[in-house]
Amino acid sequence: PAAPAPHPLEPVRTVKIAYLAKARPDLKELVPQDIDYVVVQSGAGGVYSQEDLAKCADADALVISMEPVNEQMLAACKRLKIVQRLGVGYETLDLKAAAKRGIPCCNVPGANKEAVAEHGMTLIMALARHLLEADRLTHELKWPEARLLTQHTFELYGKTIGIVGLGNTGSQLARRARAFGMRIVYNDIREIEAETIEAVGAQFMEKEQLFREADIISVNTDLNDQSRNMIDAKALALMKPTSLLVCCARGGIIDEAALREALDAGRLAGAGIDVFSEEPIRPDNPLLAAKNCIVTSHVAGVTDETTRRIFSWAHDNVRAVVERGEKPRWVLNGV
């Protein structure tokens, strides 16, 4: 028998999305009512259960947080037309496997650039003024000890910030640093538009020289073959003992054990890290016990505004492909 017609008050569902994500209690508020969807997540080693694969079999799109899109998932999705990342990084996507199947993989670059830049600036300011330690000592009524921290604090005005990666986020951070009267130097493997460089007053500098000269280094690059483990013991040894390191980019760029050693030995004044080699962060991560290190749980780009913007951009891209047969935006794998 023919399926019953939908109730006139019910939305007609034209797209099915499989969201590959860990627990998202806010998902119901973020998914449009006319989208049919399921939520699954991988198990150990990035392997999906057969039950979850069956749920995704008729999905038109995969919308992912940081879960893997691998051969197992791609083979299970018989109707798949697009893989859409909720964010910028794409290291969990098998781009080549998707390209072989003619499936475009996309991200949403720039959707959270202001939030990440603000978070990076917050870490810099907190480290420069020993804010967390001052708060703790004041709460403990240790007034003299709290005031003694000022011997180790410094102004941002006139300091040099070295930005590794002057893309969407790096350039936004540079705008904020310039407002503080900082000198801005940068390094990037890509050629940066002259308008961007002029707008932020940045000066290109070779990486080793940047490490030596900068009072603050902010890492804002993608995770790629050139950046993986880029901030290692050798790079840290180039930095001044009074300098700060901030990273809101991707885990895997910093050698975490080497960074802890430099902090504990006083060869670096402080660090603010939002991303880690393994996430969620493991209890044995060396940075959890490092001196003068502020750690946050990969939330630099997560605010109410950015979450809604990212989901909106992602859904628009999915609809363009599935409903209107258009080419997607922000394609990563050339399809």
C-alpha atoms as a PDB file:
ATOM      1  CA  PRO A   1       0.000   0.000   0.000  1.00  0.00           C
ATOM      2  CA  ALA A   2       1.043   3.573  -0.649  1.00  0.00           C
ATOM      3  CA  ALA A   3       2.628   5.424   2.257  1.00  0.00           C
ATOM      4  CA  PRO A   4       0.238   7.809   3.998  1.00  0.00           C
ATOM      5  CA  ALA A   5       0.551  11.456   3.042  1.00  0.00           C
ATOM      6  CA  PRO A   6       2.363  13.553   5.638  1.00  0.00           C
ATOM      7  CA  HIS A   7       0.226  15.480   8.060  1.00  0.00           C
ATOM      8  CA  PRO A   8      -0.211  19.017   6.704  1.00  0.00           C
ATOM      9  CA  LEU A   9       1.454  20.469   9.803  1.00  0.00           C
ATOM     10  CA  GLU A  10       4.495  18.218   9.523  1.00  0.00           C
ATOM     11  CA  PRO A  11       7.496  19.459   7.513  1.00  0.00           C
ATOM     12  CA  VAL A  12       8.266  17.499   4.339  1.00  0.00           C
ATOM     13  CA  ARG A  13      11.724  16.013   4.808  1.00  0.00           C
ATOM     14  CA  THR A  14      13.883  16.146   1.695  1.00  0.00           C
ATOM     15  CA  VAL A  15      17.381  15.610   3.153  1.00  0.00           C
ATOM     16  CA  LYS A  16      18.789  12.963   5.457  1.00  0.00           C
ATOM     17  CA  ILE A  17      21.956  13.824   7.341  1.00  0.00           C
ATOM     18  CA  ALA A  18      24.103  11.543   9.470  1.00  0.00           C
ATOM     19  CA  TYR A  19      25.839  13.641  12.107  1.00  0.00           C
ATOM     20  CA  LEU A  20      29.123  12.058  13.121  1.00  0.00           C
ATOM     21  CA  ALA A  21      29.704  13.605  16.515  1.00  0.00           C
ATOM     22  CA  LYS A  22      30.121  12.925  20.189  1.00  0.00           C
ATOM     23  CA  ALA A  23      27.328  13.916  22.555  1.00  0.00           C
ATOM     24  CA  ARG A  24      25.542  17.042  21.265  1.00  0.00           C
ATOM     25  CA  PRO A  25      22.600  17.848  23.527  1.00  0.00           C
ATOM     26  CA  ASP A  26      22.035  21.054  21.551  1.00  0.00           C
ATOM     27  CA  LEU A  27      21.617  19.298  18.199  1.00  0.00           C
ATOM     28  CA  LYS A  28      17.805  19.460  18.207  1.00  0.00           C
ATOM     29  CA  GLU A  29      18.017  23.238  18.383  1.00  0.00           C
ATOM     30  CA  LEU A  30      20.518  23.449  15.522  1.00  0.00           C
ATOM     31  CA  VAL A  31      19.008  21.086  12.932  1.00  0.00           C
ATOM     32  CA  PRO A  32      16.220  22.510  10.728  1.00  0.00           C
ATOM     33  CA  GLN A  33      12.888  20.771  11.210  1.00  0.00           C
ATOM     34  CA  ASP A  34      12.653  19.580   7.606  1.00  0.00           C
ATOM     35  CA  ILE A  35      15.876  17.567   7.859  1.00  0.00           C
ATOM     36  CA  ASP A  36      15.758  13.887   8.776  1.00  0.00           C
ATOM     37  CA  TYR A  37      18.830  12.912  10.754  1.00  0.00           C
ATOM     38  CA  VAL A  38      20.676  10.358  12.848  1.00  0.00           C
ATOM     39  CA  VAL A  39      23.626  10.784  15.197  1.00  0.00           C
ATOM     40  CA  VAL A  40      26.451   8.240  15.405  1.00  0.00           C
ATOM     41  CA  GLN A  41      29.984   8.139  16.727  1.00  0.00           C
ATOM     42  CA  SER A  42      32.979   5.899  16.221  1.00  0.00           C
ATOM     43  CA  GLY A  43      34.351   3.455  18.716  1.00  0.00           C
ATOM     44  CA  ALA A  44      37.926   2.506  19.512  1.00  0.00           C
ATOM     45  CA  GLY A  45      40.353   3.049  16.672  1.00  0.00           C
ATOM     46  CA  GLY A  46      37.806   4.997  14.633  1.00  0.00           C
ATOM     47  CA  VAL A  47      35.704   1.900  13.925  1.00  0.00           C
ATOM     48  CA  TYR A  48      31.927   2.227  13.632  1.00  0.00           C
ATOM     49  CA  SER A  49      29.477  -0.437  14.797  1.00  0.00           C
ATOM     50  CA  GLN A  50      27.394  -2.258  12.218  1.00  0.00           C
ATOM     51  CA  GLU A  51      24.282  -0.837  13.852  1.00  0.00           C
ATOM     52  CA  ASP A  52      25.498   2.729  13.350  1.00  0.00           C
ATOM     53  CA  LEU A  53      26.611   2.012   9.784  1.00  0.00           C
ATOM     54  CA  ALA A  54      23.107   0.767   9.008  1.00  0.00           C
ATOM     55  CA  LYS A  55      21.655   4.030  10.308  1.00  0.00           C
ATOM     56  CA  CYS A  56      23.821   5.956   7.837  1.00  0.00           C
ATOM     57  CA  ALA A  57      23.191   3.758   4.791  1.00  0.00           C
ATOM     58  CA  ASP A  58      20.600   6.077   3.219  1.00  0.00           C
ATOM     59  CA  ALA A  59      22.140   9.385   4.331  1.00  0.00           C
ATOM     60  CA  ASP A  60      22.501  12.083   1.684  1.00  0.00           C
ATOM     61  CA  ALA A  61      25.196  13.840   3.692  1.00  0.00           C
ATOM     62  CA  LEU A  62      27.654  13.289   6.495  1.00  0.00           C
ATOM     63  CA  VAL A  63      28.070  16.309   8.761  1.00  0.00           C
ATOM     64  CA  ILE A  64      30.965  15.733  11.102  1.00  0.00           C
ATOM     65  CA  SER A  65      32.601  17.205  14.156  1.00  0.00           C
ATOM     66  CA  MET A  66      35.907  15.369  14.704  1.00  0.00           C
ATOM     67  CA  GLU A  67      34.780  11.796  13.963  1.00  0.00           C
ATOM     68  CA  PRO A  68      36.603   9.933  11.170  1.00  0.00           C
ATOM     69  CA  VAL A  69      35.205   9.615   7.668  1.00  0.00           C
ATOM     70  CA  ASN A  70      37.003   6.496   6.517  1.00  0.00           C
ATOM     71  CA  GLU A  71      36.610   3.636   4.038  1.00  0.00           C
ATOM     72  CA  GLN A  72      34.271   1.830   6.416  1.00  0.00           C
ATOM     73  CA  MET A  73      31.852   4.745   6.652  1.00  0.00           C
ATOM     74  CA  LEU A  74      32.072   5.727   2.981  1.00  0.00           C
ATOM     75  CA  ALA A  75      31.370   2.167   1.827  1.00  0.00           C
ATOM     76  CA  ALA A  76      28.296   1.972   4.049  1.00  0.00           C
ATOM     77  CA  CYS A  77      26.694   5.201   2.749  1.00  0.00           C
ATOM     78  CA  LYS A  78      25.114   4.208  -0.562  1.00  0.00           C
ATOM     79  CA  ARG A  79      23.402   7.558  -1.292  1.00  0.00           C
ATOM     80  CA  LEU A  80      26.097   9.894  -0.040  1.00  0.00           C
ATOM     81  CA  LYS A  81      26.476  13.170  -1.962  1.00  0.00           C
ATOM     82  CA  ILE A  82      28.614  15.348   0.335  1.00  0.00           C
ATOM     83  CA  VAL A  83      30.792  15.223   3.456  1.00  0.00           C
ATOM     84  CA  GLN A  84      30.569  18.459   5.408  1.00  0.00           C
ATOM     85  CA  ARG A  85      32.913  19.328   8.277  1.00  0.00           C
ATOM     86  CA  LEU A  86      31.651  21.503  11.127  1.00  0.00           C
ATOM     87  CA  GLY A  87      34.799  23.579  11.330  1.00  0.00           C
ATOM     88  CA  VAL A  88      38.076  24.122   9.534  1.00  0.00           C
ATOM     89  CA  GLY A  89      40.396  21.164  10.206  1.00  0.00           C
ATOM     90  CA  TYR A  90      40.011  18.059   8.067  1.00  0.00           C
ATOM     91  CA  GLU A  91      42.619  15.623   9.363  1.00  0.00           C
ATOM     92  CA  THR A  92      39.934  13.039  10.212  1.00  0.00           C
ATOM     93  CA  LEU A  93      38.663  12.920   6.611  1.00  0.00           C
ATOM     94  CA  ASP A  94      39.978  10.410   4.076  1.00  0.00           C
ATOM     95  CA  LEU A  95      39.918  12.914   1.219  1.00  0.00           C
ATOM     96  CA  LYS A  96      41.323  10.530  -1.379  1.00  0.00           C
ATOM     97  CA  ALA A  97      38.827   7.754  -0.620  1.00  0.00           C
ATOM     98  CA  ALA A  98      35.939  10.220  -0.906  1.00  0.00           C
ATOM     99  CA  ALA A  99      37.337  11.679  -4.142  1.00  0.00           C
ATOM    100  CA  LYS A 100      37.503   8.197  -5.702  1.00  0.00           C
ATOM    101  CA  ARG A 101      33.765   7.923  -5.082  1.00  0.00           C
ATOM    102  CA  GLY A 102      33.115  11.386  -6.487  1.00  0.00           C
ATOM    103  CA  ILE A 103      32.037  12.733  -3.100  1.00  0.00           C
ATOM    104  CA  PRO A 104      33.100  16.298  -2.247  1.00  0.00           C
ATOM    105  CA  CYS A 105      34.481  16.955   1.224  1.00  0.00           C
ATOM    106  CA  CYS A 106      33.994  20.494   2.518  1.00  0.00           C
ATOM    107  CA  ASN A 107      34.736  22.608   5.570  1.00  0.00           C
ATOM    108  CA  VAL A 108      33.561  26.068   6.696  1.00  0.00           C
ATOM    109  CA  PRO A 109      36.687  28.279   6.749  1.00  0.00           C
ATOM    110  CA  GLY A 110      36.441  31.578   8.558  1.00  0.00           C
ATOM    111  CA  ALA A 111      33.202  30.845  10.381  1.00  0.00           C
ATOM    112  CA  ASN A 112      34.855  31.092  13.807  1.00  0.00           C
ATOM    113  CA  LYS A 113      37.884  33.273  13.065  1.00  0.00           C
ATOM    114  CA  GLU A 114      36.803  36.097  15.380  1.00  0.00           C
ATOM    115  CA  ALA A 115      36.131  33.736  18.272  1.00  0.00           C
ATOM    116  CA  VAL A 116      39.483  31.946  17.925  1.00  0.00           C
ATOM    117  CA  ALA A 117      41.336  35.255  17.690  1.00  0.00           C
ATOM    118  CA  GLU A 118      39.552  36.544  20.798  1.00  0.00           C
ATOM    119  CA  HIS A 119      40.395  33.361  22.707  1.00  0.00           C
ATOM    120  CA  GLY A 120      44.033  33.599  21.672  1.00  0.00           C
ATOM    121  CA  MET A 121      44.173  37.221  22.806  1.00  0.00           C
ATOM    122  CA  THR A 122      42.538  36.239  26.101  1.00  0.00           C
ATOM    123  CA  LEU A 123      45.230  33.613  26.727  1.00  0.00           C
ATOM    124  CA  ILE A 124      47.980  36.117  25.915  1.00  0.00           C
ATOM    125  CA  MET A 125      46.573  38.708  28.316  1.00  0.00           C
ATOM    126  CA  ALA A 126      46.006  36.177  31.091  1.00  0.00           C
ATOM    127  CA  LEU A 127      49.574  34.875  30.780  1.00  0.00           C
ATOM    128  CA  ALA A 128      51.150  38.327  30.598  1.00  0.00           C
ATOM    129  CA  ARG A 129      49.436  39.378  33.843  1.00  0.00           C
ATOM    130  CA  HIS A 130      49.528  35.981  35.641  1.00  0.00           C
ATOM    131  CA  LEU A 131      45.782  36.350  35.922  1.00  0.00           C
ATOM    132  CA  LEU A 132      44.849  32.838  37.051  1.00  0.00           C
ATOM    133  CA  GLU A 133      47.497  32.757  39.759  1.00  0.00           C
ATOM    134  CA  ALA A 134      46.570  36.263  40.931  1.00  0.00           C
ATOM    135  CA  ASP A 135      42.930  35.223  41.204  1.00  0.00           C
ATOM    136  CA  ARG A 136      43.813  32.105  43.184  1.00  0.00           C
ATOM    137  CA  LEU A 137      46.098  33.908  45.650  1.00  0.00           C
ATOM    138  CA  THR A 138      43.595  36.705  46.172  1.00  0.00           C
ATOM    139  CA  HIS A 139      40.832  34.189  46.890  1.00  0.00           C
ATOM    140  CA  GLU A 140      43.177  32.590  49.425  1.00  0.00           C
ATOM    141  CA  LEU A 141      43.657  36.036  51.064  1.00  0.00           C
ATOM    142  CA  LYS A 142      47.360  35.947  50.219  1.00  0.00           C
ATOM    143  CA  TRP A 143      47.467  39.640  49.359  1.00  0.00           C
ATOM    144  CA  PRO A 144      51.248  40.194  49.506  1.00  0.00           C
ATOM    145  CA  GLU A 145      51.945  37.080  47.420  1.00  0.00           C
ATOM    146  CA  ALA A 146      49.381  38.147  44.836  1.00  0.00           C
ATOM    147  CA  ARG A 147      50.959  41.581  44.533  1.00  0.00           C
ATOM    148  CA  LEU A 148      54.447  40.082  44.210  1.00  0.00           C
ATOM    149  CA  LEU A 149      53.339  38.482  40.938  1.00  0.00           C
ATOM    150  CA  THR A 150      53.666  41.899  39.328  1.00  0.00           C
ATOM    151  CA  GLN A 151      57.436  41.369  39.302  1.00  0.00           C
ATOM    152  CA  HIS A 152      56.843  38.888  36.494  1.00  0.00           C
ATOM    153  CA  THR A 153      54.034  40.624  34.575  1.00  0.00           C
ATOM    154  CA  PHE A 154      54.487  42.827  31.527  1.00  0.00           C
ATOM    155  CA  GLU A 155      52.646  45.165  29.172  1.00  0.00           C
ATOM    156  CA  LEU A 156      51.762  44.081  25.660  1.00  0.00           C
ATOM    157  CA  TYR A 157      52.421  47.571  24.305  1.00  0.00           C
ATOM    158  CA  GLY A 158      55.622  47.623  22.287  1.00  0.00           C
ATOM    159  CA  LYS A 159      56.121  43.852  22.417  1.00  0.00           C
ATOM    160  CA  THR A 160      56.645  41.722  19.316  1.00  0.00           C
ATOM    161  CA  ILE A 161      54.087  39.049  18.487  1.00  0.00           C
ATOM    162  CA  GLY A 162      55.098  36.381  16.002  1.00  0.00           C
ATOM    163  CA  ILE A 163      52.137  34.828  14.210  1.00  0.00           C
ATOM    164  CA  VAL A 164      52.728  31.500  12.500  1.00  0.00           C
ATOM    165  CA  GLY A 165      49.966  31.331   9.902  1.00  0.00           C
ATOM    166  CA  LEU A 166      48.473  34.668   8.863  1.00  0.00           C
ATOM    167  CA  GLY A 167      45.247  33.239   7.434  1.00  0.00           C
ATOM    168  CA  ASN A 168      41.682  33.867   8.576  1.00  0.00           C
ATOM    169  CA  THR A 169      42.396  33.491  12.285  1.00  0.00           C
ATOM    170  CA  GLY A 170      45.978  34.743  12.305  1.00  0.00           C
ATOM    171  CA  SER A 171      45.054  37.975  10.578  1.00  0.00           C
ATOM    172  CA  GLN A 172      42.193  38.560  13.023  1.00  0.00           C
ATOM    173  CA  LEU A 173      44.581  38.043  15.927  1.00  0.00           C
ATOM    174  CA  ALA A 174      47.005  40.490  14.290  1.00  0.00           C
ATOM    175  CA  ARG A 175      44.263  43.154  14.160  1.00  0.00           C
ATOM    176  CA  ARG A 176      43.711  42.774  17.887  1.00  0.00           C
ATOM    177  CA  ALA A 177      47.433  42.793  18.657  1.00  0.00           C
ATOM    178  CA  ARG A 178      47.870  45.947  16.614  1.00  0.00           C
ATOM    179  CA  ALA A 179      45.184  47.645  18.728  1.00  0.00           C
ATOM    180  CA  PHE A 180      47.417  46.944  21.751  1.00  0.00           C
ATOM    181  CA  GLY A 181      50.352  48.689  20.068  1.00  0.00           C
ATOM    182  CA  MET A 182      52.288  45.508  19.363  1.00  0.00           C
ATOM    183  CA  ARG A 183      54.813  44.937  16.597  1.00  0.00           C
ATOM    184  CA  ILE A 184      53.562  42.155  14.322  1.00  0.00           C
ATOM    185  CA  VAL A 185      55.773  39.701  12.458  1.00  0.00           C
ATOM    186  CA  TYR A 186      54.559  36.575  10.706  1.00  0.00           C
ATOM    187  CA  ASN A 187      55.573  33.428   8.878  1.00  0.00           C
ATOM    188  CA  ASP A 188      53.403  31.481   6.434  1.00  0.00           C
ATOM    189  CA  ILE A 189      54.097  28.894   3.744  1.00  0.00           C
ATOM    190  CA  ARG A 190      51.425  30.553   1.600  1.00  0.00           C
ATOM    191  CA  GLU A 191      51.648  33.961  -0.006  1.00  0.00           C
ATOM    192  CA  ILE A 192      49.482  36.391   1.936  1.00  0.00           C
ATOM    193  CA  GLU A 193      47.538  39.088   0.116  1.00  0.00           C
ATOM    194  CA  ALA A 194      49.198  42.480   0.235  1.00  0.00           C
ATOM    195  CA  GLU A 195      45.959  44.081   1.469  1.00  0.00           C
ATOM    196  CA  THR A 196      45.927  41.803   4.528  1.00  0.00           C
ATOM    197  CA  ILE A 197      49.568  42.521   5.357  1.00  0.00           C
ATOM    198  CA  GLU A 198      49.021  46.250   4.993  1.00  0.00           C
ATOM    199  CA  ALA A 199      45.795  46.192   7.027  1.00  0.00           C
ATOM    200  CA  VAL A 200      47.485  44.621  10.046  1.00  0.00           C
ATOM    201  CA  GLY A 201      50.919  46.185   9.596  1.00  0.00           C
ATOM    202  CA  ALA A 202      52.676  42.819   9.547  1.00  0.00           C
ATOM    203  CA  GLN A 203      56.248  42.060   8.512  1.00  0.00           C
ATOM    204  CA  PHE A 204      57.329  38.693   7.082  1.00  0.00           C
ATOM    205  CA  MET A 205      60.100  36.949   9.007  1.00  0.00           C
ATOM    206  CA  GLU A 206      61.830  33.606   8.533  1.00  0.00           C
ATOM    207  CA  LYS A 207      60.661  31.076  11.081  1.00  0.00           C
ATOM    208  CA  GLU A 208      63.888  30.726  13.075  1.00  0.00           C
ATOM    209  CA  GLN A 209      64.316  34.477  13.321  1.00  0.00           C
ATOM    210  CA  LEU A 210      60.681  34.830  14.385  1.00  0.00           C
ATOM    211  CA  PHE A 211      61.206  32.303  17.194  1.00  0.00           C
ATOM    212  CA  ARG A 212      64.266  34.221  18.377  1.00  0.00           C
ATOM    213  CA  GLU A 213      62.785  37.720  18.281  1.00  0.00           C
ATOM    214  CA  ALA A 214      59.135  37.362  19.283  1.00  0.00           C
ATOM    215  CA  ASP A 215      57.999  38.034  22.835  1.00  0.00           C
ATOM    216  CA  ILE A 216      54.831  36.092  22.098  1.00  0.00           C
ATOM    217  CA  ILE A 217      54.362  33.367  19.498  1.00  0.00           C
ATOM    218  CA  SER A 218      50.870  32.408  18.368  1.00  0.00           C
ATOM    219  CA  VAL A 219      50.395  29.315  16.219  1.00  0.00           C
ATOM    220  CA  ASN A 220      47.467  29.681  13.817  1.00  0.00           C
ATOM    221  CA  THR A 221      48.328  27.272  11.032  1.00  0.00           C
ATOM    222  CA  ASP A 222      46.603  24.143   9.743  1.00  0.00           C
ATOM    223  CA  LEU A 223      47.896  20.721  10.714  1.00  0.00           C
ATOM    224  CA  ASN A 224      49.818  19.521   7.665  1.00  0.00           C
ATOM    225  CA  ASP A 225      53.096  17.864   6.745  1.00  0.00           C
ATOM    226  CA  GLN A 226      55.002  21.118   7.289  1.00  0.00           C
ATOM    227  CA  SER A 227      53.395  22.017  10.621  1.00  0.00           C
ATOM    228  CA  ARG A 228      53.195  18.603  12.292  1.00  0.00           C
ATOM    229  CA  ASN A 229      55.460  18.616  15.370  1.00  0.00           C
ATOM    230  CA  MET A 230      56.768  22.014  14.218  1.00  0.00           C
ATOM    231  CA  ILE A 231      57.072  23.367  17.773  1.00  0.00           C
ATOM    232  CA  ASP A 232      59.582  20.798  19.021  1.00  0.00           C
ATOM    233  CA  ALA A 233      62.512  21.005  21.452  1.00  0.00           C
ATOM    234  CA  LYS A 234      64.701  22.645  18.812  1.00  0.00           C
ATOM    235  CA  ALA A 235      62.153  25.370  18.068  1.00  0.00           C
ATOM    236  CA  LEU A 236      61.472  25.973  21.769  1.00  0.00           C
ATOM    237  CA  ALA A 237      65.196  26.343  22.424  1.00  0.00           C
ATOM    238  CA  LEU A 238      65.271  29.307  20.036  1.00  0.00           C
ATOM    239  CA  MET A 239      62.679  31.237  22.051  1.00  0.00           C
ATOM    240  CA  LYS A 240      63.552  33.776  24.738  1.00  0.00           C
ATOM    241  CA  PRO A 241      63.037  32.583  28.342  1.00  0.00           C
ATOM    242  CA  THR A 242      60.706  35.576  28.841  1.00  0.00           C
ATOM    243  CA  SER A 243      58.480  34.681  25.888  1.00  0.00           C
ATOM    244  CA  LEU A 244      55.013  33.157  25.720  1.00  0.00           C
ATOM    245  CA  LEU A 245      53.601  30.480  23.410  1.00  0.00           C
ATOM    246  CA  VAL A 246      49.911  30.283  22.474  1.00  0.00           C
ATOM    247  CA  CYS A 247      48.268  27.677  20.251  1.00  0.00           C
ATOM    248  CA  CYS A 248      44.588  27.576  19.279  1.00  0.00           C
ATOM    249  CA  ALA A 249      45.246  25.760  15.993  1.00  0.00           C
ATOM    250  CA  ARG A 250      45.482  21.960  16.020  1.00  0.00           C
ATOM    251  CA  GLY A 251      46.863  19.260  18.260  1.00  0.00           C
ATOM    252  CA  GLY A 252      49.956  17.623  16.793  1.00  0.00           C
ATOM    253  CA  ILE A 253      51.735  20.889  15.992  1.00  0.00           C
ATOM    254  CA  ILE A 254      53.386  21.104  19.413  1.00  0.00           C
ATOM    255  CA  ASP A 255      55.597  18.473  21.046  1.00  0.00           C
ATOM    256  CA  GLU A 256      53.794  18.529  24.384  1.00  0.00           C
ATOM    257  CA  ALA A 257      56.518  16.755  26.356  1.00  0.00           C
ATOM    258  CA  ALA A 258      59.142  19.183  25.054  1.00  0.00           C
ATOM    259  CA  LEU A 259      56.928  22.148  25.929  1.00  0.00           C
ATOM    260  CA  ARG A 260      56.445  20.940  29.495  1.00  0.00           C
ATOM    261  CA  GLU A 261      60.187  20.449  29.883  1.00  0.00           C
ATOM    262  CA  ALA A 262      60.855  24.011  28.661  1.00  0.00           C
ATOM    263  CA  LEU A 263      58.214  25.475  30.991  1.00  0.00           C
ATOM    264  CA  ASP A 264      59.336  23.530  34.046  1.00  0.00           C
ATOM    265  CA  ALA A 265      62.990  24.437  33.418  1.00  0.00           C
ATOM    266  CA  GLY A 266      62.165  28.144  33.118  1.00  0.00           C
ATOM    267  CA  ARG A 267      63.264  28.313  29.479  1.00  0.00           C
ATOM    268  CA  LEU A 268      59.839  29.687  28.578  1.00  0.00           C
ATOM    269  CA  ALA A 269      57.712  32.077  30.635  1.00  0.00           C
ATOM    270  CA  GLY A 270      54.305  30.571  29.893  1.00  0.00           C
ATOM    271  CA  ALA A 271      51.987  28.857  27.445  1.00  0.00           C
ATOM    272  CA  GLY A 272      48.302  28.880  26.590  1.00  0.00           C
ATOM    273  CA  ILE A 273      47.129  25.753  24.757  1.00  0.00           C
ATOM    274  CA  ASP A 274      43.619  24.954  23.484  1.00  0.00           C
ATOM    275  CA  VAL A 275      44.375  21.876  21.344  1.00  0.00           C
ATOM    276  CA  PHE A 276      46.085  18.584  22.114  1.00  0.00           C
ATOM    277  CA  SER A 277      47.557  15.548  20.401  1.00  0.00           C
ATOM    278  CA  GLU A 278      44.781  13.377  21.840  1.00  0.00           C
ATOM    279  CA  GLU A 279      41.310  14.726  22.561  1.00  0.00           C
ATOM    280  CA  PRO A 280      39.568  14.609  24.939  1.00  0.00           C
ATOM    281  CA  ILE A 281      42.783  15.321  26.819  1.00  0.00           C
ATOM    282  CA  ARG A 282      44.278  12.284  28.568  1.00  0.00           C
ATOM    283  CA  PRO A 283      44.999  12.384  32.320  1.00  0.00           C
ATOM    284  CA  ASP A 284      48.694  11.748  31.599  1.00  0.00           C
ATOM    285  CA  ASN A 285      49.061  14.659  29.182  1.00  0.00           C
ATOM    286  CA  PRO A 286      52.293  16.416  30.250  1.00  0.00           C
ATOM    287  CA  LEU A 287      50.818  19.904  29.963  1.00  0.00           C
ATOM    288  CA  LEU A 288      48.317  19.284  32.759  1.00  0.00           C
ATOM    289  CA  ALA A 289      51.158  19.478  35.281  1.00  0.00           C
ATOM    290  CA  ALA A 290      53.372  22.015  33.497  1.00  0.00           C
ATOM    291  CA  LYS A 291      54.318  25.321  35.138  1.00  0.00           C
ATOM    292  CA  ASN A 292      52.622  28.512  33.951  1.00  0.00           C
ATOM    293  CA  CYS A 293      50.487  26.703  31.402  1.00  0.00           C
ATOM    294  CA  ILE A 294      46.833  27.566  30.809  1.00  0.00           C
ATOM    295  CA  VAL A 295      44.903  24.788  29.068  1.00  0.00           C
ATOM    296  CA  THR A 296      41.390  24.935  27.613  1.00  0.00           C
ATOM    297  CA  SER A 297      39.327  22.150  26.076  1.00  0.00           C
ATOM    298  CA  HIS A 298      39.443  22.952  22.325  1.00  0.00           C
ATOM    299  CA  VAL A 299      36.849  25.694  22.767  1.00  0.00           C
ATOM    300  CA  ALA A 300      38.630  28.676  21.195  1.00  0.00           C
ATOM    301  CA  GLY A 301      36.226  28.733  18.267  1.00  0.00           C
ATOM    302  CA  VAL A 302      33.119  27.734  20.191  1.00  0.00           C
ATOM    303  CA  THR A 303      30.645  30.414  21.188  1.00  0.00           C
ATOM    304  CA  ASP A 304      26.883  30.564  20.780  1.00  0.00           C
ATOM    305  CA  GLU A 305      27.287  32.793  17.715  1.00  0.00           C
ATOM    306  CA  THR A 306      29.932  30.655  16.025  1.00  0.00           C
ATOM    307  CA  THR A 307      28.057  27.401  16.678  1.00  0.00           C
ATOM    308  CA  ARG A 308      24.916  28.737  15.010  1.00  0.00           C
ATOM    309  CA  ARG A 309      26.920  30.273  12.160  1.00  0.00           C
ATOM    310  CA  ILE A 310      28.841  27.052  11.492  1.00  0.00           C
ATOM    311  CA  PHE A 311      25.718  24.887  11.448  1.00  0.00           C
ATOM    312  CA  SER A 312      23.921  27.399   9.232  1.00  0.00           C
ATOM    313  CA  TRP A 313      26.766  27.514   6.695  1.00  0.00           C
ATOM    314  CA  ALA A 314      27.100  23.715   6.762  1.00  0.00           C
ATOM    315  CA  HIS A 315      23.384  23.124   6.210  1.00  0.00           C
ATOM    316  CA  ASP A 316      23.281  25.670   3.377  1.00  0.00           C
ATOM    317  CA  ASN A 317      26.149  23.855   1.653  1.00  0.00           C
ATOM    318  CA  VAL A 318      24.456  20.469   2.069  1.00  0.00           C
ATOM    319  CA  ARG A 319      21.164  21.796   0.690  1.00  0.00           C
ATOM    320  CA  ALA A 320      22.930  23.318  -2.310  1.00  0.00           C
ATOM    321  CA  VAL A 321      24.213  19.873  -3.285  1.00  0.00           C
ATOM    322  CA  VAL A 322      21.329  17.602  -2.248  1.00  0.00           C
ATOM    323  CA  GLU A 323      18.283  19.734  -2.986  1.00  0.00           C
ATOM    324  CA  ARG A 324      19.456  22.016  -5.793  1.00  0.00           C
ATOM    325  CA  GLY A 325      22.156  19.960  -7.498  1.00  0.00           C
ATOM    326  CA  GLU A 326      24.654  22.799  -7.212  1.00  0.00           C
ATOM    327  CA  LYS A 327      28.400  22.665  -6.747  1.00  0.00           C
ATOM    328  CA  PRO A 328      29.373  22.905  -3.069  1.00  0.00           C
ATOM    329  CA  ARG A 329      31.557  25.603  -1.555  1.00  0.00           C
ATOM    330  CA  TRP A 330      34.878  25.130   0.268  1.00  0.00           C
ATOM    331  CA  VAL A 331      35.758  21.816  -1.406  1.00  0.00           C
ATOM    332  CA  LEU A 332      38.877  20.175   0.063  1.00  0.00           C
ATOM    333  CA  ASN A 333      39.404  17.186  -2.236  1.00  0.00           C
ATOM    334  CA  GLY A 334      38.926  18.649  -5.714  1.00  0.00           C
ATOM    335  CA  VAL A 335      35.595  16.977  -6.481  1.00  0.00           C
END
